Protein backbone atom coordinates (compact mmCIF):
# COMPACT_ATOMS: atom_id res chain seq x y z
CA MET A 1 234.74 88.63 14.42
CA ASN A 2 233.52 87.32 17.86
CA ILE A 3 230.26 88.99 18.60
CA PRO A 4 229.42 88.50 22.11
CA PHE A 5 225.83 87.62 21.88
CA ASP A 6 223.69 86.96 25.07
CA ASN A 7 220.31 85.84 23.81
CA THR A 8 217.80 86.05 26.67
CA TYR A 9 214.72 86.06 24.59
CA ALA A 10 215.80 82.76 22.95
CA ARG A 11 215.93 81.14 26.34
CA LEU A 12 212.21 81.60 26.85
CA PRO A 13 209.82 78.72 26.13
CA GLU A 14 209.69 77.92 22.37
CA ARG A 15 206.14 79.01 22.03
CA PHE A 16 207.45 82.60 22.18
CA PHE A 17 209.14 82.11 18.73
CA ALA A 18 210.15 79.95 15.92
CA LYS A 19 213.71 79.13 15.24
CA ARG A 20 214.57 80.02 11.63
CA ALA A 21 217.78 80.89 9.94
CA PRO A 22 217.76 83.85 7.51
CA ALA A 23 217.44 83.11 3.80
CA ARG A 24 220.56 83.30 1.69
CA VAL A 25 220.73 86.06 -1.02
CA PRO A 26 222.69 85.71 -4.43
CA ALA A 27 224.82 88.78 -4.48
CA PRO A 28 224.76 90.86 -1.29
CA LYS A 29 226.46 94.48 -1.47
CA LEU A 30 226.82 96.80 1.19
CA ILE A 31 224.92 100.24 0.90
CA ARG A 32 225.70 101.87 4.15
CA VAL A 33 226.83 100.85 7.64
CA ASN A 34 226.18 102.96 10.68
CA THR A 35 229.83 103.13 12.18
CA ALA A 36 228.81 105.17 15.29
CA LEU A 37 226.14 102.81 16.20
CA ALA A 38 228.49 99.80 15.46
CA MET A 39 230.85 101.32 17.97
CA ARG A 40 228.22 101.84 20.60
CA LEU A 41 227.24 98.09 20.14
CA GLY A 42 230.98 97.18 20.72
CA LEU A 43 231.16 95.89 16.96
CA ASP A 44 234.01 96.49 14.59
CA ALA A 45 232.57 98.73 11.77
CA ALA A 46 235.55 97.94 9.52
CA TRP A 47 234.68 94.13 9.94
CA LEU A 48 231.06 94.87 9.00
CA GLN A 49 232.20 96.13 5.70
CA THR A 50 234.27 93.03 4.85
CA PRO A 51 232.92 90.08 2.84
CA GLU A 52 232.28 88.29 6.13
CA GLY A 53 230.64 91.24 7.72
CA VAL A 54 228.34 91.68 4.77
CA GLY A 55 227.40 88.06 4.82
CA MET A 56 226.07 88.50 8.27
CA LEU A 57 224.21 91.58 7.49
CA SER A 58 222.67 89.94 4.39
CA GLY A 59 221.76 86.81 6.28
CA ASN A 60 224.08 84.73 4.33
CA CYS A 61 226.28 83.90 7.37
CA VAL A 62 225.02 83.20 10.73
CA PRO A 63 227.68 84.35 13.23
CA ALA A 64 228.83 82.02 16.26
CA GLY A 65 226.73 82.73 19.24
CA ALA A 66 223.75 83.98 17.29
CA GLU A 67 220.38 82.14 17.73
CA PRO A 68 218.17 83.17 14.93
CA ILE A 69 214.39 83.37 15.75
CA ALA A 70 211.19 84.80 14.44
CA GLN A 71 209.18 86.26 17.35
CA ALA A 72 205.44 85.51 17.71
CA TYR A 73 202.82 88.18 18.18
CA ALA A 74 199.31 89.09 17.37
CA GLY A 75 197.64 92.48 16.94
CA HIS A 76 194.84 94.88 16.21
CA GLN A 77 195.48 96.14 12.58
CA PHE A 78 193.37 99.25 11.93
CA GLY A 79 191.28 98.11 14.69
CA GLY A 80 190.65 94.64 13.34
CA TRP A 81 191.91 91.73 15.49
CA VAL A 82 194.48 89.26 13.96
CA PRO A 83 195.29 86.54 16.34
CA GLN A 84 198.43 85.62 14.81
CA LEU A 85 201.02 87.79 13.04
CA GLY A 86 204.63 87.42 14.07
CA ASP A 87 207.85 88.25 12.35
CA GLY A 88 206.82 87.29 8.80
CA ARG A 89 210.00 88.92 7.21
CA ALA A 90 212.36 89.49 10.08
CA ILE A 91 214.88 87.37 11.95
CA LEU A 92 216.24 88.21 15.34
CA LEU A 93 219.94 87.29 15.30
CA GLY A 94 220.46 87.81 18.86
CA GLU A 95 221.20 90.33 21.63
CA VAL A 96 224.37 92.34 22.44
CA ILE A 97 225.37 94.38 25.45
CA GLY A 98 226.94 97.53 24.12
CA VAL A 99 229.86 99.60 25.46
CA ASP A 100 227.26 101.71 27.37
CA GLY A 101 226.03 98.55 29.16
CA ALA A 102 222.62 98.60 27.31
CA ARG A 103 221.14 95.42 25.98
CA ARG A 104 219.97 95.65 22.28
CA ASP A 105 218.51 93.24 19.85
CA ILE A 106 220.10 92.85 16.35
CA GLN A 107 217.47 92.02 13.66
CA LEU A 108 217.43 91.36 9.95
CA LYS A 109 214.36 92.62 8.01
CA GLY A 110 213.80 91.22 4.60
CA SER A 111 215.55 87.98 5.46
CA GLY A 112 213.16 85.44 4.06
CA ARG A 113 210.02 83.55 4.91
CA THR A 114 209.28 82.28 8.55
CA PRO A 115 206.31 80.35 10.01
CA PHE A 116 204.64 83.64 10.47
CA SER A 117 204.75 84.98 6.96
CA ARG A 118 201.14 84.24 6.04
CA GLY A 119 201.78 83.89 2.30
CA GLY A 120 204.28 86.68 1.92
CA ASP A 121 207.71 86.21 0.54
CA GLY A 122 209.55 87.50 3.57
CA LYS A 123 211.66 89.83 1.45
CA ALA A 124 212.08 93.63 1.50
CA ALA A 125 212.44 95.91 -1.45
CA LEU A 126 215.24 98.47 -1.55
CA GLY A 127 212.84 101.56 -1.22
CA PRO A 128 211.44 100.59 2.21
CA VAL A 129 214.84 99.70 3.43
CA LEU A 130 216.33 102.94 2.65
CA ARG A 131 213.24 104.78 4.00
CA GLU A 132 213.48 102.99 7.36
CA TYR A 133 217.31 103.74 7.54
CA LEU A 134 216.71 107.46 6.90
CA VAL A 135 213.78 108.02 9.10
CA SER A 136 214.84 105.93 12.09
CA GLU A 137 218.19 107.54 12.27
CA ALA A 138 216.52 111.00 11.68
CA MET A 139 214.28 110.28 14.67
CA PHE A 140 217.21 109.39 16.89
CA ALA A 141 219.13 112.64 15.87
CA LEU A 142 215.92 114.51 16.60
CA GLY A 143 215.99 113.26 20.06
CA VAL A 144 212.98 110.87 19.63
CA PRO A 145 213.21 107.21 21.17
CA ALA A 146 213.48 105.01 18.11
CA THR A 147 214.83 101.85 16.78
CA ARG A 148 218.14 102.26 14.88
CA ALA A 149 219.62 101.44 11.63
CA LEU A 150 222.79 99.51 11.72
CA ALA A 151 223.10 98.76 8.01
CA ALA A 152 221.43 98.31 4.70
CA VAL A 153 222.52 95.65 2.13
CA SER A 154 221.30 95.13 -1.30
CA THR A 155 220.68 91.44 -2.23
CA GLY A 156 221.19 91.13 -6.00
CA GLU A 157 217.67 89.72 -6.49
CA LEU A 158 214.34 91.08 -7.35
CA VAL A 159 211.28 91.03 -5.27
CA SER A 160 207.80 91.10 -6.65
CA ARG A 161 205.38 93.98 -5.53
CA GLU A 162 203.23 95.87 -7.94
CA THR A 163 206.33 95.58 -9.98
CA SER A 164 209.65 93.84 -9.61
CA LEU A 165 211.97 95.85 -7.48
CA PRO A 166 215.52 95.29 -6.24
CA GLY A 167 215.73 93.47 -2.95
CA ALA A 168 217.46 94.56 0.27
CA VAL A 169 217.94 93.64 3.75
CA PHE A 170 217.82 96.12 6.69
CA THR A 171 219.68 95.47 9.92
CA ARG A 172 217.55 97.02 12.87
CA VAL A 173 218.80 97.46 16.43
CA ALA A 174 216.22 97.91 19.21
CA ALA A 175 215.95 98.04 22.96
CA SER A 176 213.79 94.90 22.35
CA HIS A 177 211.07 93.80 19.83
CA ILE A 178 208.48 93.13 22.51
CA ARG A 179 205.25 94.69 21.36
CA VAL A 180 201.82 95.14 22.84
CA GLY A 181 200.84 92.45 20.27
CA THR A 182 203.38 90.02 21.93
CA PHE A 183 201.27 90.19 25.02
CA GLN A 184 198.10 89.86 22.98
CA PHE A 185 199.30 86.75 21.36
CA PHE A 186 199.40 84.87 24.66
CA ALA A 187 196.31 86.65 26.22
CA ALA A 188 194.14 85.51 23.27
CA ARG A 189 195.29 81.80 24.00
CA ASN A 190 194.53 82.23 27.76
CA ASP A 191 198.15 81.35 28.37
CA VAL A 192 198.47 83.08 31.78
CA ASP A 193 201.76 81.40 32.53
CA ALA A 194 203.26 82.72 29.32
CA LEU A 195 202.00 86.19 30.07
CA ARG A 196 203.43 86.12 33.64
CA LEU A 197 206.94 84.93 32.04
CA LEU A 198 206.65 87.78 29.41
CA ALA A 199 205.80 90.37 32.03
CA ASP A 200 208.73 89.31 34.35
CA TYR A 201 211.00 89.37 31.24
CA ALA A 202 209.86 92.80 30.19
CA ILE A 203 210.18 94.28 33.70
CA ALA A 204 213.79 92.74 34.08
CA ARG A 205 214.74 94.26 30.76
CA HIS A 206 213.04 97.50 30.48
CA TYR A 207 211.50 98.61 33.80
CA PRO A 208 213.57 96.91 36.60
CA GLU A 209 212.21 99.23 39.19
CA ALA A 210 208.76 97.68 38.72
CA ALA A 211 210.21 94.51 40.05
CA GLY A 212 210.12 95.89 43.68
CA ALA A 213 206.72 97.55 43.41
CA VAL A 214 203.82 95.97 45.49
CA ASN A 215 202.07 95.12 42.26
CA PRO A 216 204.61 94.50 39.60
CA GLY A 217 202.14 93.87 36.90
CA LEU A 218 200.55 97.25 37.69
CA ALA A 219 203.88 99.01 37.78
CA LEU A 220 204.69 97.52 34.33
CA LEU A 221 201.36 98.88 32.90
CA GLN A 222 202.01 102.30 34.41
CA SER A 223 205.58 102.34 33.02
CA VAL A 224 204.53 101.55 29.48
CA ILE A 225 201.61 104.08 29.67
CA ALA A 226 204.22 106.80 30.62
CA ALA A 227 206.77 105.70 27.93
CA GLN A 228 204.10 105.81 25.31
CA ALA A 229 202.61 109.05 26.43
CA ASP A 230 206.16 110.63 26.35
CA LEU A 231 206.70 109.24 22.90
CA ILE A 232 203.66 110.63 21.25
CA ALA A 233 204.19 113.93 22.91
CA ARG A 234 207.58 113.98 21.09
CA TRP A 235 206.03 112.91 17.69
CA LEU A 236 203.48 115.73 17.40
CA PRO A 237 205.55 118.80 17.78
CA LEU A 238 207.85 117.52 15.07
CA GLY A 239 204.84 116.81 12.53
CA PHE A 240 205.46 112.99 12.62
CA ILE A 241 202.88 110.75 11.43
CA HIS A 242 203.50 106.99 12.07
CA GLY A 243 201.03 105.73 9.65
CA VAL A 244 200.39 102.25 11.03
CA MET A 245 199.86 102.50 14.88
CA ASN A 246 198.57 98.94 15.08
CA THR A 247 199.15 97.16 18.37
CA ASP A 248 201.85 94.92 16.68
CA ASN A 249 203.81 98.26 15.99
CA VAL A 250 203.75 99.52 19.68
CA ALA A 251 206.95 98.60 21.40
CA ILE A 252 206.65 98.45 25.18
CA SER A 253 210.13 99.86 25.48
CA GLY A 254 208.72 103.20 24.32
CA GLU A 255 210.66 103.29 21.04
CA THR A 256 209.27 104.31 17.88
CA ILE A 257 209.18 101.08 15.71
CA ASP A 258 208.28 100.20 12.20
CA PHE A 259 208.66 103.02 9.73
CA GLY A 260 206.66 101.50 6.83
CA PRO A 261 204.38 104.38 5.50
CA CYS A 262 205.42 107.04 8.10
CA ALA A 263 205.86 110.75 7.02
CA PHE A 264 206.55 114.03 8.21
CA MET A 265 204.12 116.71 7.30
CA ASP A 266 204.90 119.58 4.82
CA GLY A 267 201.75 121.81 5.15
CA PHE A 268 200.17 121.45 8.56
CA HIS A 269 196.78 120.02 9.05
CA PRO A 270 195.66 117.89 12.09
CA GLU A 271 193.83 115.48 9.78
CA CYS A 272 196.88 114.95 7.62
CA VAL A 273 197.40 111.28 6.47
CA PHE A 274 199.96 109.83 4.11
CA SER A 275 199.75 106.05 4.54
CA ALA A 276 198.09 104.45 1.47
CA ILE A 277 196.60 101.75 3.64
CA ASP A 278 194.91 104.20 6.20
CA ARG A 279 191.88 104.75 4.03
CA ASN A 280 189.74 106.04 6.91
CA ALA A 281 192.45 108.49 8.43
CA ARG A 282 192.55 106.42 11.72
CA TYR A 283 196.12 107.30 12.35
CA ALA A 284 196.03 110.86 11.23
CA TRP A 285 198.40 113.42 12.85
CA GLY A 286 195.79 114.58 15.38
CA ASN A 287 194.38 111.15 16.20
CA GLN A 288 197.67 109.67 17.37
CA PRO A 289 197.10 110.41 21.11
CA SER A 290 193.76 108.90 21.25
CA ILE A 291 194.90 105.76 19.21
CA CYS A 292 197.85 105.43 21.48
CA GLN A 293 195.45 105.36 24.61
CA TRP A 294 193.31 102.77 22.65
CA ASN A 295 196.36 100.65 22.04
CA LEU A 296 197.34 100.92 25.77
CA THR A 297 193.84 99.76 26.73
CA ARG A 298 194.41 96.64 24.70
CA PHE A 299 197.79 96.17 26.56
CA ALA A 300 196.00 96.68 29.93
CA GLU A 301 193.42 93.96 28.89
CA THR A 302 196.33 91.40 28.57
CA LEU A 303 197.58 92.24 31.97
CA LEU A 304 194.31 91.77 33.85
CA PRO A 305 195.18 88.30 35.05
CA LEU A 306 198.39 89.56 36.69
CA LEU A 307 196.88 92.74 38.39
CA ALA A 308 194.52 91.18 40.78
CA ASP A 309 192.76 87.88 41.67
CA SER A 310 189.38 89.61 41.30
CA GLN A 311 188.39 90.54 37.70
CA ASP A 312 186.73 93.71 39.01
CA GLU A 313 189.62 94.58 41.08
CA ALA A 314 191.93 94.12 38.00
CA ARG A 315 189.81 96.25 35.78
CA SER A 316 189.60 98.98 38.40
CA LEU A 317 193.37 99.15 38.66
CA ALA A 318 193.84 99.06 34.96
CA GLU A 319 191.41 101.92 34.38
CA ALA A 320 193.04 104.13 36.90
CA ALA A 321 196.40 103.53 35.40
CA LEU A 322 194.85 104.39 31.83
CA ASP A 323 193.28 107.48 33.31
CA GLY A 324 196.88 108.89 33.91
CA PHE A 325 197.57 108.78 30.16
CA GLY A 326 195.74 111.96 29.20
CA GLU A 327 197.33 114.23 31.90
CA ARG A 328 200.77 113.07 31.21
CA PHE A 329 200.73 113.35 27.43
CA HIS A 330 198.91 116.78 27.58
CA ALA A 331 201.50 118.23 29.96
CA ARG A 332 204.49 117.03 27.65
CA TYR A 333 202.65 118.00 24.51
CA LEU A 334 202.24 121.44 25.75
CA ALA A 335 205.78 121.58 27.03
CA GLY A 336 206.95 120.63 23.64
CA PHE A 337 204.96 123.38 21.97
CA ARG A 338 205.91 125.92 24.54
CA ALA A 339 209.56 125.34 23.75
CA LYS A 340 208.95 125.64 20.05
CA LEU A 341 207.03 129.03 20.53
CA GLY A 342 209.41 130.42 23.22
CA LEU A 343 206.73 130.45 26.02
CA SER A 344 207.52 130.32 29.56
CA GLU A 345 206.48 127.17 31.54
CA GLY A 346 203.68 129.08 33.51
CA ALA A 347 202.51 130.82 30.49
CA ASP A 348 199.47 129.68 28.52
CA ALA A 349 198.70 126.90 31.02
CA SER A 350 195.61 125.94 29.23
CA GLY A 351 197.20 125.70 25.94
CA ALA A 352 195.04 128.24 24.29
CA PHE A 353 197.74 130.01 22.49
CA VAL A 354 199.17 126.66 21.07
CA LYS A 355 195.64 125.67 20.02
CA ASP A 356 195.09 128.98 18.27
CA THR A 357 198.53 128.77 16.53
CA LEU A 358 197.76 125.40 15.24
CA ALA A 359 194.33 126.48 13.95
CA VAL A 360 195.99 129.35 12.06
CA LEU A 361 198.59 126.97 10.51
CA ALA A 362 195.87 124.54 9.61
CA GLU A 363 193.73 127.37 7.99
CA HIS A 364 196.59 128.34 5.60
CA GLU A 365 198.39 124.76 5.56
CA VAL A 366 201.50 126.55 6.32
CA ASP A 367 204.65 124.47 6.18
CA PHE A 368 205.03 123.13 9.72
CA THR A 369 208.81 122.79 9.96
CA LEU A 370 209.53 125.98 8.08
CA PHE A 371 207.17 128.05 10.17
CA PHE A 372 209.00 127.07 13.35
CA ARG A 373 212.37 127.38 11.69
CA HIS A 374 211.62 130.93 10.63
CA LEU A 375 209.98 131.84 13.84
CA THR A 376 213.24 130.90 15.61
CA ARG A 377 215.04 133.21 13.42
CA VAL A 378 212.64 135.99 14.20
CA ALA A 379 213.23 135.41 17.87
CA ALA A 380 217.03 135.72 17.19
CA GLY A 381 216.18 139.21 15.91
CA GLU A 382 216.11 138.57 12.25
CA SER A 383 213.56 139.91 9.66
CA PRO A 384 210.21 138.36 9.82
CA ASP A 385 210.02 138.37 5.94
CA ALA A 386 210.69 134.62 5.42
CA LEU A 387 208.01 133.71 8.06
CA VAL A 388 205.46 136.04 6.40
CA GLY A 389 206.30 134.65 3.10
CA LEU A 390 204.76 131.25 4.13
CA PHE A 391 201.40 132.76 4.56
CA PRO A 392 198.99 133.80 1.66
CA SER A 393 198.80 137.30 2.97
CA ARG A 394 201.10 139.52 5.13
CA GLU A 395 198.08 140.37 7.29
CA SER A 396 197.28 136.77 8.32
CA CYS A 397 200.83 136.26 9.54
CA GLU A 398 201.27 139.82 11.20
CA ALA A 399 198.10 139.28 13.21
CA TRP A 400 199.48 136.05 14.58
CA LEU A 401 202.89 137.59 15.22
CA ALA A 402 201.22 140.40 17.25
CA GLY A 403 199.72 137.81 19.50
CA TRP A 404 202.92 135.75 19.70
CA ARG A 405 204.75 138.90 20.89
CA SER A 406 202.41 139.45 23.63
CA VAL A 407 202.95 136.10 25.20
CA ALA A 408 206.37 134.84 24.08
CA GLU A 409 209.69 135.59 25.77
CA PRO A 410 212.09 134.87 22.81
CA ALA A 411 215.12 136.43 24.35
CA VAL A 412 214.68 134.17 27.39
CA HIS A 413 213.91 131.01 25.48
CA LEU A 414 215.87 131.21 22.28
CA ALA A 415 218.12 128.29 23.20
CA GLU A 416 215.11 126.12 23.96
CA MET A 417 213.51 127.22 20.63
CA ARG A 418 216.66 126.26 18.69
CA ALA A 419 216.70 122.99 20.39
CA ALA A 420 213.04 122.32 19.70
CA ASN A 421 212.77 123.55 16.09
CA PRO A 422 214.81 121.41 13.62
CA ILE A 423 216.43 122.94 10.60
CA ARG A 424 216.12 119.66 8.62
CA ILE A 425 213.57 116.91 8.76
CA PRO A 426 213.42 113.74 6.41
CA ARG A 427 211.29 115.33 3.92
CA ASN A 428 209.04 112.98 1.86
CA HIS A 429 210.08 114.31 -1.47
CA ARG A 430 213.84 114.01 -0.60
CA ILE A 431 213.42 110.50 0.69
CA GLU A 432 211.48 109.52 -2.62
CA GLU A 433 214.27 111.35 -4.55
CA ALA A 434 216.84 109.24 -2.87
CA ILE A 435 215.03 106.00 -3.37
CA GLN A 436 214.47 106.61 -7.07
CA HIS A 437 218.09 107.39 -7.65
CA ALA A 438 219.04 104.21 -5.75
CA TYR A 439 216.85 102.12 -8.02
CA SER A 440 218.97 103.36 -10.86
CA GLY A 441 222.09 102.41 -8.92
CA ASP A 442 222.96 105.91 -7.64
CA PHE A 443 223.19 105.99 -3.86
CA ALA A 444 224.86 109.52 -3.55
CA PRO A 445 221.54 111.24 -2.57
CA PHE A 446 220.76 108.70 -0.08
CA HIS A 447 224.14 109.03 1.55
CA ARG A 448 224.05 112.79 1.40
CA LEU A 449 220.58 112.69 3.11
CA ALA A 450 221.54 110.35 5.79
CA GLU A 451 224.47 112.56 6.63
CA ALA A 452 222.50 115.75 6.68
CA LEU A 453 219.74 114.31 8.74
CA ALA A 454 222.30 113.29 11.42
CA HIS A 455 222.68 116.92 12.42
CA PRO A 456 219.05 118.17 12.08
CA TYR A 457 219.54 121.27 14.43
CA ALA A 458 222.87 122.47 12.86
CA GLU A 459 223.22 125.27 10.26
CA CYS A 460 224.88 124.01 6.98
CA ALA A 461 224.89 126.11 3.88
CA GLU A 462 225.84 122.99 1.79
CA THR A 463 222.67 121.30 2.60
CA SER A 464 220.34 124.28 2.60
CA ASP A 465 218.46 122.77 -0.26
CA LEU A 466 217.34 119.85 1.78
CA GLU A 467 215.45 122.37 4.30
CA LEU A 468 213.07 123.58 1.56
CA ALA A 469 209.41 122.56 1.18
CA PRO A 470 208.58 120.47 -1.94
CA LEU A 471 207.70 122.33 -5.27
CA PRO A 472 204.06 121.54 -6.31
CA HIS A 473 205.22 118.73 -8.77
CA GLU A 474 207.44 117.22 -5.96
CA VAL A 475 204.67 116.76 -3.37
CA VAL A 476 204.42 113.25 -2.11
CA HIS A 477 200.66 112.61 -1.31
CA GLN A 478 201.05 108.83 -0.19
CA THR A 479 203.51 106.65 1.36
CA PHE A 480 203.50 102.89 1.20
CA CYS A 481 204.09 99.81 3.31
CA GLY A 482 206.99 97.57 2.47
CA THR A 483 205.10 94.43 2.38
């Protein structure tokens, strides 16, 4: 197949990346290809399933027009500065312009060592590949900006982690892979020319309206702050916990990127953490807005040389831009929960009822998704028994319901509630179930879950079991990074 690559990032100076072809694998086998996404990219989904297509998706064949590179970046990881990270197990094959006119990266994850691997093997295990496929596509279906999954391929080799695990390669599609850490890489080296080139590139690719601003660098900063505020405000009403909100995992495009130890909550608590490497709960559900602003502050620091000739003036401009994060996030966060609860826009302007609701859910650790799912049914006129059943006592639920009925307008906002409250999310225990079956060679649960999660708001009796909270022995307490 002739893939019409147009690789603008590879035309930047070579200090932005390292040229590196993906490693060959012994026995690639296609697990799943995302036909709808392939069509959007202008790719032939049928060809991707041929030996030649699987060869590209596994890294065994580099198609004409591709210019494989590993991108350079740095970052703060759990608050600690690392001056050089980079794509240690990923290769950007190139960029394509889809049928919708949007430019997107096609990247292979788990495609072997690069100059940025820092001692790692550059490979990916099957489990993390399946997790990223499921969660990234679920996020897209839920309406959250996210990188996408084009394909998953097993490699026929073992990778060494705590044990030997089957290897795989994941094909990720993104608006770009430019991160806060990409800017930090050059700022740490005092490479102002590279920063200016990168900012101009980011503006042209993601925020072209900023090019015409009086201060394009400031307009870029404001645009990224707005995009990230909007993104985190979409995460929280879904109970999503990223797990590794390091600056190298913050895409300036505003997409959710890197789904390593991420998870969706079952029982609600604002201090909920799943990531096995987040030992101090830095990235707990309720900490994500403040961490996002912290990450954006690091981004603003990299742009100071571009904002003004005077350091004091540059800092003043950056601080004013950062001050806008809280108001924007809070407005969108409240709008999200108002939609979930069936509240009118003018009602509860202070968010008191939202805050009280979350306190009640936390006190009883009520299943987050099922609570809003059953509340939507109550709003439609159904019995509240299923909702009441989520609580330890009928009295605790009915007291909350009485307060809800006094402020909500369910008849007016039922359509909004249905659009804001998913029926299915990628439950941790279901993902783990699919992974364990896959390790035994059975991919049927993975495919069934992927297909069900593509329609998270649609009623479907055949997949009603996927809506259920885990039984006590099914609860997943920790999720793990793939490296």
